[in-house]
Amino acid sequence: MLNGLNIGLMTILVGLYGMTRTKNSIKMIMCLGIMGSGLILLFVSIGYIPGGGAPIVGHSPEMVDPIPHTVMLTAIVIDLATTALGLALVYHLHQQYNTLDVTEYMGGED
């Protein structure tokens, strides 16, 4: 059955597969962003309660815990900053080595 937990886990695994299979720096950063999106979906799905309401006193008999959602808002900002820093690093490395291949940065394959 497809729900937020399963789709989040599949998205994380797709991003992890992409990170391990590519040698292109920009594609690696894109896969890292895909993994971050899957992680956010996974945690928000864990914090979801069917029929739950906003955590306001007297609003709903069953309230949703707001902590996972607020932590994931912070994770979105961290993911954005990580992507920006990674792209700046890739730009600098591309200027220096004139390639996007990660093996060229590390001195070639063994």
N, C-alpha and C. Protein backbone atom coordinates (compact mmCIF):
# COMPACT_ATOMS: atom_id res chain seq x y z
N MET A 1 0.84 -1.18 0.00
CA MET A 1 0.00 0.00 0.00
C MET A 1 0.88 1.25 0.00
N LEU A 2 0.56 2.19 -0.86
CA LEU A 2 1.35 3.41 -0.94
C LEU A 2 0.81 4.44 0.04
N ASN A 3 1.65 4.84 0.95
CA ASN A 3 1.33 5.92 1.86
C ASN A 3 2.60 6.77 2.03
N GLY A 4 2.52 7.77 2.89
CA GLY A 4 3.65 8.67 3.05
C GLY A 4 4.91 7.98 3.56
N LEU A 5 4.75 6.99 4.42
CA LEU A 5 5.92 6.28 4.94
C LEU A 5 6.64 5.50 3.84
N ASN A 6 5.87 4.76 3.06
CA ASN A 6 6.48 3.96 2.00
C ASN A 6 7.08 4.82 0.90
N ILE A 7 6.37 5.86 0.51
CA ILE A 7 6.89 6.74 -0.55
C ILE A 7 8.13 7.49 -0.06
N GLY A 8 8.11 7.93 1.20
CA GLY A 8 9.29 8.59 1.75
C GLY A 8 10.49 7.67 1.78
N LEU A 9 10.28 6.43 2.20
CA LEU A 9 11.38 5.46 2.23
C LEU A 9 11.89 5.15 0.83
N MET A 10 10.97 5.00 -0.13
CA MET A 10 11.39 4.74 -1.52
C MET A 10 12.16 5.93 -2.09
N THR A 11 11.74 7.14 -1.76
CA THR A 11 12.43 8.34 -2.25
C THR A 11 13.84 8.42 -1.67
N ILE A 12 13.98 8.09 -0.40
CA ILE A 12 15.32 8.07 0.22
C ILE A 12 16.20 7.04 -0.49
N LEU A 13 15.66 5.87 -0.76
CA LEU A 13 16.45 4.82 -1.41
C LEU A 13 16.81 5.18 -2.85
N VAL A 14 15.90 5.85 -3.57
CA VAL A 14 16.21 6.30 -4.93
C VAL A 14 17.34 7.33 -4.89
N GLY A 15 17.29 8.26 -3.95
CA GLY A 15 18.36 9.25 -3.81
C GLY A 15 19.68 8.60 -3.43
N LEU A 16 19.64 7.61 -2.55
CA LEU A 16 20.86 6.91 -2.15
C LEU A 16 21.44 6.12 -3.32
N TYR A 17 20.57 5.48 -4.10
CA TYR A 17 21.03 4.76 -5.29
C TYR A 17 21.69 5.72 -6.28
N GLY A 18 21.07 6.87 -6.49
CA GLY A 18 21.65 7.86 -7.39
C GLY A 18 22.98 8.38 -6.90
N MET A 19 23.11 8.57 -5.58
CA MET A 19 24.38 9.06 -5.03
C MET A 19 25.51 8.05 -5.24
N THR A 20 25.18 6.77 -5.14
CA THR A 20 26.24 5.77 -5.26
C THR A 20 26.56 5.43 -6.71
N ARG A 21 25.66 5.69 -7.65
CA ARG A 21 25.87 5.27 -9.04
C ARG A 21 26.44 6.36 -9.95
N THR A 22 26.37 7.62 -9.57
CA THR A 22 26.84 8.68 -10.47
C THR A 22 28.19 9.21 -10.02
N LYS A 23 28.90 9.78 -10.96
CA LYS A 23 30.19 10.41 -10.67
C LYS A 23 30.13 11.91 -10.93
N ASN A 24 28.97 12.39 -11.38
CA ASN A 24 28.79 13.80 -11.69
C ASN A 24 28.45 14.54 -10.40
N SER A 25 29.16 15.60 -10.09
CA SER A 25 28.99 16.32 -8.84
C SER A 25 27.60 16.95 -8.71
N ILE A 26 27.10 17.53 -9.78
CA ILE A 26 25.79 18.18 -9.72
C ILE A 26 24.69 17.15 -9.53
N LYS A 27 24.82 16.00 -10.19
CA LYS A 27 23.83 14.94 -9.99
C LYS A 27 23.86 14.41 -8.57
N MET A 28 25.04 14.36 -7.97
CA MET A 28 25.14 13.92 -6.58
C MET A 28 24.42 14.89 -5.64
N ILE A 29 24.55 16.18 -5.91
CA ILE A 29 23.86 17.17 -5.08
C ILE A 29 22.35 17.07 -5.29
N MET A 30 21.93 16.82 -6.51
CA MET A 30 20.50 16.63 -6.77
C MET A 30 19.98 15.40 -6.03
N CYS A 31 20.72 14.33 -6.03
CA CYS A 31 20.31 13.12 -5.31
C CYS A 31 20.28 13.36 -3.80
N LEU A 32 21.19 14.18 -3.30
CA LEU A 32 21.16 14.54 -1.89
C LEU A 32 19.89 15.32 -1.55
N GLY A 33 19.45 16.18 -2.45
CA GLY A 33 18.19 16.90 -2.26
C GLY A 33 16.99 15.98 -2.31
N ILE A 34 17.04 14.96 -3.19
CA ILE A 34 15.96 13.98 -3.25
C ILE A 34 15.90 13.18 -1.95
N MET A 35 17.05 12.81 -1.42
CA MET A 35 17.06 12.11 -0.14
C MET A 35 16.50 12.98 0.98
N GLY A 36 16.83 14.26 0.96
CA GLY A 36 16.29 15.18 1.97
C GLY A 36 14.78 15.30 1.88
N SER A 37 14.26 15.36 0.66
CA SER A 37 12.81 15.44 0.49
C SER A 37 12.12 14.16 0.98
N GLY A 38 12.73 13.03 0.71
CA GLY A 38 12.17 11.77 1.19
C GLY A 38 12.19 11.68 2.71
N LEU A 39 13.25 12.18 3.31
CA LEU A 39 13.35 12.18 4.77
C LEU A 39 12.28 13.08 5.39
N ILE A 40 12.06 14.23 4.78
CA ILE A 40 11.03 15.14 5.27
C ILE A 40 9.65 14.51 5.16
N LEU A 41 9.36 13.87 4.01
CA LEU A 41 8.07 13.20 3.84
C LEU A 41 7.91 12.07 4.84
N LEU A 42 8.97 11.32 5.10
CA LEU A 42 8.92 10.22 6.06
C LEU A 42 8.58 10.72 7.46
N PHE A 43 9.26 11.76 7.91
CA PHE A 43 9.02 12.25 9.27
C PHE A 43 7.67 12.93 9.42
N VAL A 44 7.24 13.66 8.40
CA VAL A 44 5.91 14.28 8.48
C VAL A 44 4.84 13.21 8.49
N SER A 45 5.04 12.12 7.74
CA SER A 45 4.08 11.02 7.74
C SER A 45 4.05 10.30 9.08
N ILE A 46 5.20 10.20 9.75
CA ILE A 46 5.24 9.58 11.07
C ILE A 46 4.44 10.43 12.07
N GLY A 47 4.54 11.75 11.96
CA GLY A 47 3.84 12.64 12.88
C GLY A 47 2.37 12.83 12.58
N TYR A 48 1.88 12.29 11.47
CA TYR A 48 0.49 12.48 11.07
C TYR A 48 -0.44 11.57 11.88
N ILE A 49 -1.56 12.11 12.30
CA ILE A 49 -2.61 11.34 12.98
C ILE A 49 -3.89 11.54 12.19
N PRO A 50 -4.48 10.46 11.67
CA PRO A 50 -5.73 10.62 10.92
C PRO A 50 -6.84 11.20 11.80
N GLY A 51 -7.45 12.24 11.33
CA GLY A 51 -8.52 12.89 12.09
C GLY A 51 -8.02 13.82 13.18
N GLY A 52 -6.73 13.97 13.31
CA GLY A 52 -6.18 14.84 14.35
C GLY A 52 -6.28 16.29 13.95
N GLY A 53 -6.35 17.14 14.95
CA GLY A 53 -6.49 18.56 14.70
C GLY A 53 -5.25 19.32 15.11
N ALA A 54 -5.31 20.63 14.93
CA ALA A 54 -4.21 21.50 15.32
C ALA A 54 -4.07 21.49 16.84
N PRO A 55 -2.86 21.62 17.35
CA PRO A 55 -2.65 21.56 18.80
C PRO A 55 -3.09 22.85 19.50
N ILE A 56 -4.39 23.12 19.44
CA ILE A 56 -4.97 24.27 20.13
C ILE A 56 -5.89 23.71 21.21
N VAL A 57 -5.79 24.23 22.43
CA VAL A 57 -6.57 23.71 23.54
C VAL A 57 -8.06 23.83 23.24
N GLY A 58 -8.78 22.70 23.38
CA GLY A 58 -10.21 22.67 23.17
C GLY A 58 -10.63 22.63 21.73
N HIS A 59 -9.71 22.49 20.83
CA HIS A 59 -10.03 22.52 19.39
C HIS A 59 -10.46 21.15 18.87
N SER A 60 -9.73 20.10 19.25
CA SER A 60 -10.00 18.77 18.71
C SER A 60 -9.76 17.74 19.81
N PRO A 61 -10.53 16.65 19.80
CA PRO A 61 -10.31 15.64 20.83
C PRO A 61 -8.95 14.94 20.69
N GLU A 62 -8.46 14.79 19.47
CA GLU A 62 -7.15 14.18 19.25
C GLU A 62 -6.28 15.18 18.50
N MET A 63 -5.16 15.55 19.13
CA MET A 63 -4.30 16.59 18.54
C MET A 63 -3.03 15.98 17.95
N VAL A 64 -2.55 16.60 16.91
CA VAL A 64 -1.31 16.19 16.24
C VAL A 64 -0.13 16.81 16.97
N ASP A 65 0.92 16.03 17.14
CA ASP A 65 2.14 16.54 17.77
C ASP A 65 2.85 17.48 16.80
N PRO A 66 3.09 18.73 17.18
CA PRO A 66 3.70 19.69 16.25
C PRO A 66 5.22 19.58 16.14
N ILE A 67 5.87 18.83 17.02
CA ILE A 67 7.34 18.79 17.04
C ILE A 67 7.92 18.21 15.74
N PRO A 68 7.45 17.07 15.22
CA PRO A 68 8.05 16.57 13.96
C PRO A 68 7.91 17.56 12.80
N HIS A 69 6.79 18.26 12.75
CA HIS A 69 6.58 19.20 11.65
C HIS A 69 7.50 20.41 11.77
N THR A 70 7.71 20.90 12.98
CA THR A 70 8.60 22.05 13.14
C THR A 70 10.06 21.66 12.89
N VAL A 71 10.43 20.46 13.29
CA VAL A 71 11.79 20.00 13.02
C VAL A 71 12.01 19.84 11.51
N MET A 72 10.99 19.41 10.80
CA MET A 72 11.12 19.26 9.35
C MET A 72 11.17 20.61 8.64
N LEU A 73 10.53 21.62 9.20
CA LEU A 73 10.71 22.98 8.64
C LEU A 73 12.16 23.41 8.76
N THR A 74 12.78 23.10 9.89
CA THR A 74 14.20 23.39 10.05
C THR A 74 15.03 22.57 9.08
N ALA A 75 14.64 21.32 8.84
CA ALA A 75 15.38 20.46 7.90
C ALA A 75 15.29 20.99 6.48
N ILE A 76 14.17 21.61 6.11
CA ILE A 76 14.04 22.21 4.78
C ILE A 76 15.06 23.33 4.61
N VAL A 77 15.22 24.15 5.63
CA VAL A 77 16.18 25.26 5.57
C VAL A 77 17.60 24.72 5.51
N ILE A 78 17.89 23.69 6.28
CA ILE A 78 19.22 23.10 6.27
C ILE A 78 19.51 22.45 4.92
N ASP A 79 18.50 21.80 4.34
CA ASP A 79 18.66 21.18 3.01
C ASP A 79 18.95 22.24 1.95
N LEU A 80 18.27 23.36 2.03
CA LEU A 80 18.52 24.45 1.09
C LEU A 80 19.93 25.01 1.25
N ALA A 81 20.37 25.19 2.48
CA ALA A 81 21.72 25.71 2.72
C ALA A 81 22.78 24.71 2.26
N THR A 82 22.54 23.43 2.49
CA THR A 82 23.48 22.40 2.05
C THR A 82 23.58 22.36 0.53
N THR A 83 22.45 22.49 -0.14
CA THR A 83 22.45 22.51 -1.61
C THR A 83 23.20 23.72 -2.14
N ALA A 84 22.97 24.88 -1.55
CA ALA A 84 23.66 26.09 -1.99
C ALA A 84 25.16 25.99 -1.76
N LEU A 85 25.57 25.48 -0.61
CA LEU A 85 26.99 25.33 -0.32
C LEU A 85 27.63 24.30 -1.25
N GLY A 86 26.92 23.20 -1.50
CA GLY A 86 27.44 22.17 -2.40
C GLY A 86 27.61 22.69 -3.82
N LEU A 87 26.62 23.44 -4.31
CA LEU A 87 26.74 24.00 -5.66
C LEU A 87 27.86 25.03 -5.76
N ALA A 88 28.06 25.80 -4.70
CA ALA A 88 29.19 26.75 -4.70
C ALA A 88 30.52 25.99 -4.73
N LEU A 89 30.60 24.90 -3.99
CA LEU A 89 31.81 24.09 -3.99
C LEU A 89 32.05 23.45 -5.36
N VAL A 90 30.99 22.94 -5.98
CA VAL A 90 31.11 22.34 -7.31
C VAL A 90 31.56 23.40 -8.32
N TYR A 91 31.02 24.61 -8.22
CA TYR A 91 31.44 25.70 -9.12
C TYR A 91 32.93 25.98 -8.97
N HIS A 92 33.38 26.05 -7.72
CA HIS A 92 34.80 26.31 -7.48
C HIS A 92 35.68 25.16 -8.00
N LEU A 93 35.26 23.93 -7.75
CA LEU A 93 36.03 22.78 -8.24
C LEU A 93 36.02 22.70 -9.76
N HIS A 94 34.90 23.08 -10.39
CA HIS A 94 34.83 23.07 -11.84
C HIS A 94 35.78 24.11 -12.44
N GLN A 95 35.88 25.25 -11.79
CA GLN A 95 36.82 26.26 -12.27
C GLN A 95 38.26 25.78 -12.14
N GLN A 96 38.54 25.04 -11.06
CA GLN A 96 39.91 24.60 -10.81
C GLN A 96 40.29 23.40 -11.67
N TYR A 97 39.43 22.40 -11.78
CA TYR A 97 39.76 21.16 -12.47
C TYR A 97 39.14 21.05 -13.86
N ASN A 98 38.21 21.91 -14.19
CA ASN A 98 37.53 21.94 -15.49
C ASN A 98 36.79 20.63 -15.80
N THR A 99 36.22 20.03 -14.76
CA THR A 99 35.42 18.81 -14.92
C THR A 99 34.43 18.71 -13.76
N LEU A 100 33.37 17.94 -13.97
CA LEU A 100 32.40 17.68 -12.90
C LEU A 100 32.54 16.27 -12.35
N ASP A 101 33.48 15.50 -12.85
CA ASP A 101 33.69 14.12 -12.44
C ASP A 101 34.38 14.09 -11.07
N VAL A 102 33.77 13.38 -10.13
CA VAL A 102 34.30 13.33 -8.77
C VAL A 102 35.63 12.59 -8.72
N THR A 103 35.82 11.60 -9.57
CA THR A 103 37.08 10.85 -9.54
C THR A 103 38.27 11.71 -9.96
N GLU A 104 38.02 12.74 -10.76
CA GLU A 104 39.10 13.64 -11.15
C GLU A 104 39.54 14.52 -9.99
N TYR A 105 38.60 14.84 -9.09
CA TYR A 105 38.95 15.66 -7.92
C TYR A 105 39.84 14.87 -6.96
N MET A 106 39.58 13.56 -6.89
CA MET A 106 40.27 12.73 -5.92
C MET A 106 41.54 12.08 -6.45
N GLY A 107 41.88 12.36 -7.67
CA GLY A 107 43.12 11.83 -8.21
C GLY A 107 42.94 10.62 -9.11
N GLY A 108 41.74 10.36 -9.58
CA GLY A 108 41.50 9.24 -10.49
C GLY A 108 41.09 7.97 -9.77
N GLU A 109 40.63 7.00 -10.55
CA GLU A 109 40.20 5.72 -9.98
C GLU A 109 41.42 4.82 -9.75
N ASP A 110 41.28 3.95 -8.78
CA ASP A 110 42.38 3.00 -8.47
C ASP A 110 42.34 1.80 -9.35
